[in-house]
Amino acid sequence: MKTVFIAGANRGLGLELIKQYAQRGWNVIACCREINTDHALTLLVQNYPTVGIYSLDVLTQS
């Protein structure tokens, strides 16, 4: 089974990519800053057991 990593997974293109890959049976590593607040992403996880949600915040310092 193939695996894909998607950052910014809680909206827009990221959310749509999760749907597309999950429907094709891929393992999806979905990352976003706050995972508790997004209902659409939670529903995807409930419908597709190959999708996992992880908290990820990338901080850059100058």
PDB file of N, CA and C in Angstrom:
ATOM      1  N   MET A   1       0.844  -1.178   0.000  1.00  0.00           N
ATOM      2  CA  MET A   1       0.000   0.000   0.000  1.00  0.00           C
ATOM      3  C   MET A   1       0.891   1.243   0.000  1.00  0.00           C
ATOM      4  N   LYS A   2       0.538   2.222  -0.799  1.00  0.00           N
ATOM      5  CA  LYS A   2       1.312   3.464  -0.886  1.00  0.00           C
ATOM      6  C   LYS A   2       0.917   4.421   0.234  1.00  0.00           C
ATOM      7  N   THR A   3       1.841   5.323   0.566  1.00  0.00           N
ATOM      8  CA  THR A   3       1.625   6.299   1.628  1.00  0.00           C
ATOM      9  C   THR A   3       1.921   7.701   1.111  1.00  0.00           C
ATOM     10  N   VAL A   4       1.105   8.667   1.541  1.00  0.00           N
ATOM     11  CA  VAL A   4       1.303  10.066   1.176  1.00  0.00           C
ATOM     12  C   VAL A   4       1.249  10.917   2.442  1.00  0.00           C
ATOM     13  N   PHE A   5       2.085  11.968   2.485  1.00  0.00           N
ATOM     14  CA  PHE A   5       2.116  12.931   3.591  1.00  0.00           C
ATOM     15  C   PHE A   5       1.524  14.235   3.078  1.00  0.00           C
ATOM     16  N   ILE A   6       0.519  14.761   3.778  1.00  0.00           N
ATOM     17  CA  ILE A   6      -0.125  16.011   3.358  1.00  0.00           C
ATOM     18  C   ILE A   6      -0.114  16.987   4.529  1.00  0.00           C
ATOM     19  N   ALA A   7       0.557  18.125   4.327  1.00  0.00           N
ATOM     20  CA  ALA A   7       0.562  19.196   5.326  1.00  0.00           C
ATOM     21  C   ALA A   7      -0.524  20.200   4.943  1.00  0.00           C
ATOM     22  N   GLY A   8      -1.078  20.897   5.918  1.00  0.00           N
ATOM     23  CA  GLY A   8      -2.172  21.824   5.643  1.00  0.00           C
ATOM     24  C   GLY A   8      -3.431  21.055   5.284  1.00  0.00           C
ATOM     25  N   ALA A   9      -3.665  19.980   6.013  1.00  0.00           N
ATOM     26  CA  ALA A   9      -4.695  19.022   5.643  1.00  0.00           C
ATOM     27  C   ALA A   9      -6.104  19.391   6.083  1.00  0.00           C
ATOM     28  N   ASN A  10      -6.277  20.455   6.819  1.00  0.00           N
ATOM     29  CA  ASN A  10      -7.592  20.735   7.385  1.00  0.00           C
ATOM     30  C   ASN A  10      -8.494  21.596   6.509  1.00  0.00           C
ATOM     31  N   ARG A  11      -8.012  22.006   5.325  1.00  0.00           N
ATOM     32  CA  ARG A  11      -8.884  22.823   4.462  1.00  0.00           C
ATOM     33  C   ARG A  11      -8.348  22.851   3.033  1.00  0.00           C
ATOM     34  N   GLY A  12      -9.147  23.355   2.162  1.00  0.00           N
ATOM     35  CA  GLY A  12      -8.751  23.611   0.780  1.00  0.00           C
ATOM     36  C   GLY A  12      -8.186  22.407   0.048  1.00  0.00           C
ATOM     37  N   LEU A  13      -7.082  22.641  -0.636  1.00  0.00           N
ATOM     38  CA  LEU A  13      -6.455  21.594  -1.435  1.00  0.00           C
ATOM     39  C   LEU A  13      -5.997  20.411  -0.593  1.00  0.00           C
ATOM     40  N   GLY A  14      -5.487  20.683   0.584  1.00  0.00           N
ATOM     41  CA  GLY A  14      -5.034  19.602   1.450  1.00  0.00           C
ATOM     42  C   GLY A  14      -6.160  18.646   1.801  1.00  0.00           C
ATOM     43  N   LEU A  15      -7.306  19.183   2.149  1.00  0.00           N
ATOM     44  CA  LEU A  15      -8.464  18.363   2.509  1.00  0.00           C
ATOM     45  C   LEU A  15      -8.943  17.559   1.298  1.00  0.00           C
ATOM     46  N   GLU A  16      -8.967  18.176   0.150  1.00  0.00           N
ATOM     47  CA  GLU A  16      -9.385  17.477  -1.068  1.00  0.00           C
ATOM     48  C   GLU A  16      -8.399  16.377  -1.453  1.00  0.00           C
ATOM     49  N   LEU A  17      -7.114  16.634  -1.287  1.00  0.00           N
ATOM     50  CA  LEU A  17      -6.123  15.600  -1.582  1.00  0.00           C
ATOM     51  C   LEU A  17      -6.293  14.388  -0.677  1.00  0.00           C
ATOM     52  N   ILE A  18      -6.608  14.633   0.587  1.00  0.00           N
ATOM     53  CA  ILE A  18      -6.854  13.529   1.514  1.00  0.00           C
ATOM     54  C   ILE A  18      -8.007  12.674   1.010  1.00  0.00           C
ATOM     55  N   LYS A  19      -9.094  13.320   0.608  1.00  0.00           N
ATOM     56  CA  LYS A  19     -10.246  12.586   0.090  1.00  0.00           C
ATOM     57  C   LYS A  19      -9.861  11.730  -1.105  1.00  0.00           C
ATOM     58  N   GLN A  20      -9.150  12.330  -2.045  1.00  0.00           N
ATOM     59  CA  GLN A  20      -8.781  11.622  -3.270  1.00  0.00           C
ATOM     60  C   GLN A  20      -7.892  10.414  -2.982  1.00  0.00           C
ATOM     61  N   TYR A  21      -6.869  10.602  -2.182  1.00  0.00           N
ATOM     62  CA  TYR A  21      -5.961   9.499  -1.868  1.00  0.00           C
ATOM     63  C   TYR A  21      -6.653   8.418  -1.032  1.00  0.00           C
ATOM     64  N   ALA A  22      -7.468   8.816  -0.068  1.00  0.00           N
ATOM     65  CA  ALA A  22      -8.163   7.844   0.775  1.00  0.00           C
ATOM     66  C   ALA A  22      -9.126   6.995  -0.045  1.00  0.00           C
ATOM     67  N   GLN A  23      -9.802   7.601  -0.991  1.00  0.00           N
ATOM     68  CA  GLN A  23     -10.722   6.852  -1.848  1.00  0.00           C
ATOM     69  C   GLN A  23      -9.987   5.825  -2.695  1.00  0.00           C
ATOM     70  N   ARG A  24      -8.734   6.078  -2.980  1.00  0.00           N
ATOM     71  CA  ARG A  24      -7.926   5.140  -3.764  1.00  0.00           C
ATOM     72  C   ARG A  24      -7.220   4.104  -2.890  1.00  0.00           C
ATOM     73  N   GLY A  25      -7.441   4.172  -1.566  1.00  0.00           N
ATOM     74  CA  GLY A  25      -6.891   3.175  -0.661  1.00  0.00           C
ATOM     75  C   GLY A  25      -5.489   3.439  -0.147  1.00  0.00           C
ATOM     76  N   TRP A  26      -4.980   4.642  -0.349  1.00  0.00           N
ATOM     77  CA  TRP A  26      -3.637   4.987   0.135  1.00  0.00           C
ATOM     78  C   TRP A  26      -3.657   5.189   1.646  1.00  0.00           C
ATOM     79  N   ASN A  27      -2.513   4.982   2.296  1.00  0.00           N
ATOM     80  CA  ASN A  27      -2.302   5.431   3.670  1.00  0.00           C
ATOM     81  C   ASN A  27      -2.046   6.929   3.595  1.00  0.00           C
ATOM     82  N   VAL A  28      -2.762   7.703   4.389  1.00  0.00           N
ATOM     83  CA  VAL A  28      -2.628   9.160   4.353  1.00  0.00           C
ATOM     84  C   VAL A  28      -2.172   9.659   5.721  1.00  0.00           C
ATOM     85  N   ILE A  29      -1.059  10.375   5.731  1.00  0.00           N
ATOM     86  CA  ILE A  29      -0.580  11.052   6.930  1.00  0.00           C
ATOM     87  C   ILE A  29      -0.988  12.511   6.774  1.00  0.00           C
ATOM     88  N   ALA A  30      -2.028  12.906   7.479  1.00  0.00           N
ATOM     89  CA  ALA A  30      -2.599  14.246   7.359  1.00  0.00           C
ATOM     90  C   ALA A  30      -2.131  15.103   8.529  1.00  0.00           C
ATOM     91  N   CYS A  31      -1.505  16.239   8.235  1.00  0.00           N
ATOM     92  CA  CYS A  31      -0.976  17.112   9.283  1.00  0.00           C
ATOM     93  C   CYS A  31      -1.561  18.505   9.186  1.00  0.00           C
ATOM     94  N   CYS A  32      -1.874  19.071  10.356  1.00  0.00           N
ATOM     95  CA  CYS A  32      -2.325  20.457  10.453  1.00  0.00           C
ATOM     96  C   CYS A  32      -1.991  20.959  11.854  1.00  0.00           C
ATOM     97  N   ARG A  33      -2.112  22.255  12.053  1.00  0.00           N
ATOM     98  CA  ARG A  33      -1.736  22.828  13.356  1.00  0.00           C
ATOM     99  C   ARG A  33      -2.623  22.359  14.489  1.00  0.00           C
ATOM    100  N   GLU A  34      -3.934  22.465  14.304  1.00  0.00           N
ATOM    101  CA  GLU A  34      -4.870  22.097  15.367  1.00  0.00           C
ATOM    102  C   GLU A  34      -5.841  21.061  14.830  1.00  0.00           C
ATOM    103  N   ILE A  35      -5.775  19.867  15.369  1.00  0.00           N
ATOM    104  CA  ILE A  35      -6.615  18.801  14.852  1.00  0.00           C
ATOM    105  C   ILE A  35      -7.969  18.694  15.552  1.00  0.00           C
ATOM    106  N   ASN A  36      -8.134  19.304  16.687  1.00  0.00           N
ATOM    107  CA  ASN A  36      -9.376  19.170  17.453  1.00  0.00           C
ATOM    108  C   ASN A  36     -10.510  20.040  16.940  1.00  0.00           C
ATOM    109  N   THR A  37     -10.212  21.022  16.115  1.00  0.00           N
ATOM    110  CA  THR A  37     -11.232  21.996  15.743  1.00  0.00           C
ATOM    111  C   THR A  37     -11.842  21.757  14.366  1.00  0.00           C
ATOM    112  N   ASP A  38     -11.376  20.785  13.615  1.00  0.00           N
ATOM    113  CA  ASP A  38     -11.851  20.623  12.250  1.00  0.00           C
ATOM    114  C   ASP A  38     -12.760  19.411  12.102  1.00  0.00           C
ATOM    115  N   HIS A  39     -14.017  19.690  11.847  1.00  0.00           N
ATOM    116  CA  HIS A  39     -15.019  18.635  11.735  1.00  0.00           C
ATOM    117  C   HIS A  39     -14.875  17.827  10.444  1.00  0.00           C
ATOM    118  N   ALA A  40     -14.589  18.476   9.320  1.00  0.00           N
ATOM    119  CA  ALA A  40     -14.472  17.788   8.032  1.00  0.00           C
ATOM    120  C   ALA A  40     -13.333  16.774   8.049  1.00  0.00           C
ATOM    121  N   LEU A  41     -12.231  17.139   8.632  1.00  0.00           N
ATOM    122  CA  LEU A  41     -11.086  16.238   8.719  1.00  0.00           C
ATOM    123  C   LEU A  41     -11.390  15.050   9.635  1.00  0.00           C
ATOM    124  N   THR A  42     -12.082  15.293  10.726  1.00  0.00           N
ATOM    125  CA  THR A  42     -12.469  14.223  11.638  1.00  0.00           C
ATOM    126  C   THR A  42     -13.401  13.231  10.959  1.00  0.00           C
ATOM    127  N   LEU A  43     -14.317  13.724  10.143  1.00  0.00           N
ATOM    128  CA  LEU A  43     -15.223  12.833   9.411  1.00  0.00           C
ATOM    129  C   LEU A  43     -14.470  11.943   8.429  1.00  0.00           C
ATOM    130  N   LEU A  44     -13.455  12.491   7.783  1.00  0.00           N
ATOM    131  CA  LEU A  44     -12.655  11.691   6.864  1.00  0.00           C
ATOM    132  C   LEU A  44     -11.976  10.529   7.590  1.00  0.00           C
ATOM    133  N   VAL A  45     -11.461  10.805   8.766  1.00  0.00           N
ATOM    134  CA  VAL A  45     -10.799   9.762   9.547  1.00  0.00           C
ATOM    135  C   VAL A  45     -11.800   8.676   9.941  1.00  0.00           C
ATOM    136  N   GLN A  46     -13.007   9.072  10.266  1.00  0.00           N
ATOM    137  CA  GLN A  46     -14.034   8.094  10.634  1.00  0.00           C
ATOM    138  C   GLN A  46     -14.427   7.223   9.439  1.00  0.00           C
ATOM    139  N   ASN A  47     -14.437   7.812   8.246  1.00  0.00           N
ATOM    140  CA  ASN A  47     -14.864   7.082   7.049  1.00  0.00           C
ATOM    141  C   ASN A  47     -13.745   6.282   6.389  1.00  0.00           C
ATOM    142  N   TYR A  48     -12.517   6.677   6.591  1.00  0.00           N
ATOM    143  CA  TYR A  48     -11.377   6.013   5.955  1.00  0.00           C
ATOM    144  C   TYR A  48     -10.345   5.642   7.015  1.00  0.00           C
ATOM    145  N   PRO A  49     -10.233   4.366   7.350  1.00  0.00           N
ATOM    146  CA  PRO A  49      -9.291   3.951   8.390  1.00  0.00           C
ATOM    147  C   PRO A  49      -7.821   4.104   7.997  1.00  0.00           C
ATOM    148  N   THR A  50      -7.545   4.382   6.735  1.00  0.00           N
ATOM    149  CA  THR A  50      -6.157   4.558   6.298  1.00  0.00           C
ATOM    150  C   THR A  50      -5.660   5.989   6.485  1.00  0.00           C
ATOM    151  N   VAL A  51      -6.517   6.868   7.020  1.00  0.00           N
ATOM    152  CA  VAL A  51      -6.139   8.270   7.237  1.00  0.00           C
ATOM    153  C   VAL A  51      -5.806   8.483   8.709  1.00  0.00           C
ATOM    154  N   GLY A  52      -4.638   9.072   8.967  1.00  0.00           N
ATOM    155  CA  GLY A  52      -4.235   9.426  10.327  1.00  0.00           C
ATOM    156  C   GLY A  52      -3.990  10.918  10.409  1.00  0.00           C
ATOM    157  N   ILE A  53      -4.450  11.546  11.480  1.00  0.00           N
ATOM    158  CA  ILE A  53      -4.271  12.988  11.671  1.00  0.00           C
ATOM    159  C   ILE A  53      -3.190  13.216  12.720  1.00  0.00           C
ATOM    160  N   TYR A  54      -2.302  14.151  12.422  1.00  0.00           N
ATOM    161  CA  TYR A  54      -1.211  14.483  13.341  1.00  0.00           C
ATOM    162  C   TYR A  54      -1.067  15.992  13.424  1.00  0.00           C
ATOM    163  N   SER A  55      -0.739  16.468  14.603  1.00  0.00           N
ATOM    164  CA  SER A  55      -0.519  17.891  14.817  1.00  0.00           C
ATOM    165  C   SER A  55       0.902  18.240  14.339  1.00  0.00           C
ATOM    166  N   LEU A  56       0.996  19.307  13.569  1.00  0.00           N
ATOM    167  CA  LEU A  56       2.297  19.744  13.040  1.00  0.00           C
ATOM    168  C   LEU A  56       2.284  21.262  12.932  1.00  0.00           C
ATOM    169  N   ASP A  57       3.250  21.901  13.553  1.00  0.00           N
ATOM    170  CA  ASP A  57       3.402  23.349  13.450  1.00  0.00           C
ATOM    171  C   ASP A  57       4.859  23.637  13.157  1.00  0.00           C
ATOM    172  N   VAL A  58       5.107  24.219  12.013  1.00  0.00           N
ATOM    173  CA  VAL A  58       6.465  24.525  11.603  1.00  0.00           C
ATOM    174  C   VAL A  58       6.739  25.990  11.934  1.00  0.00           C
ATOM    175  N   LEU A  59       7.721  26.223  12.764  1.00  0.00           N
ATOM    176  CA  LEU A  59       8.065  27.570  13.195  1.00  0.00           C
ATOM    177  C   LEU A  59       9.416  27.934  12.625  1.00  0.00           C
ATOM    178  N   THR A  60       9.485  29.086  11.987  1.00  0.00           N
ATOM    179  CA  THR A  60      10.768  29.569  11.500  1.00  0.00           C
ATOM    180  C   THR A  60      11.202  30.760  12.339  1.00  0.00           C
ATOM    181  N   GLN A  61      12.461  30.818  12.624  1.00  0.00           N
ATOM    182  CA  GLN A  61      12.999  31.943  13.388  1.00  0.00           C
ATOM    183  C   GLN A  61      14.051  32.647  12.550  1.00  0.00           C
ATOM    184  N   SER A  62      14.026  33.980  12.623  1.00  0.00           N
ATOM    185  CA  SER A  62      15.018  34.727  11.861  1.00  0.00           C
ATOM    186  C   SER A  62      16.047  35.377  12.756  1.00  0.00           C
TER     187      SER A  62
END
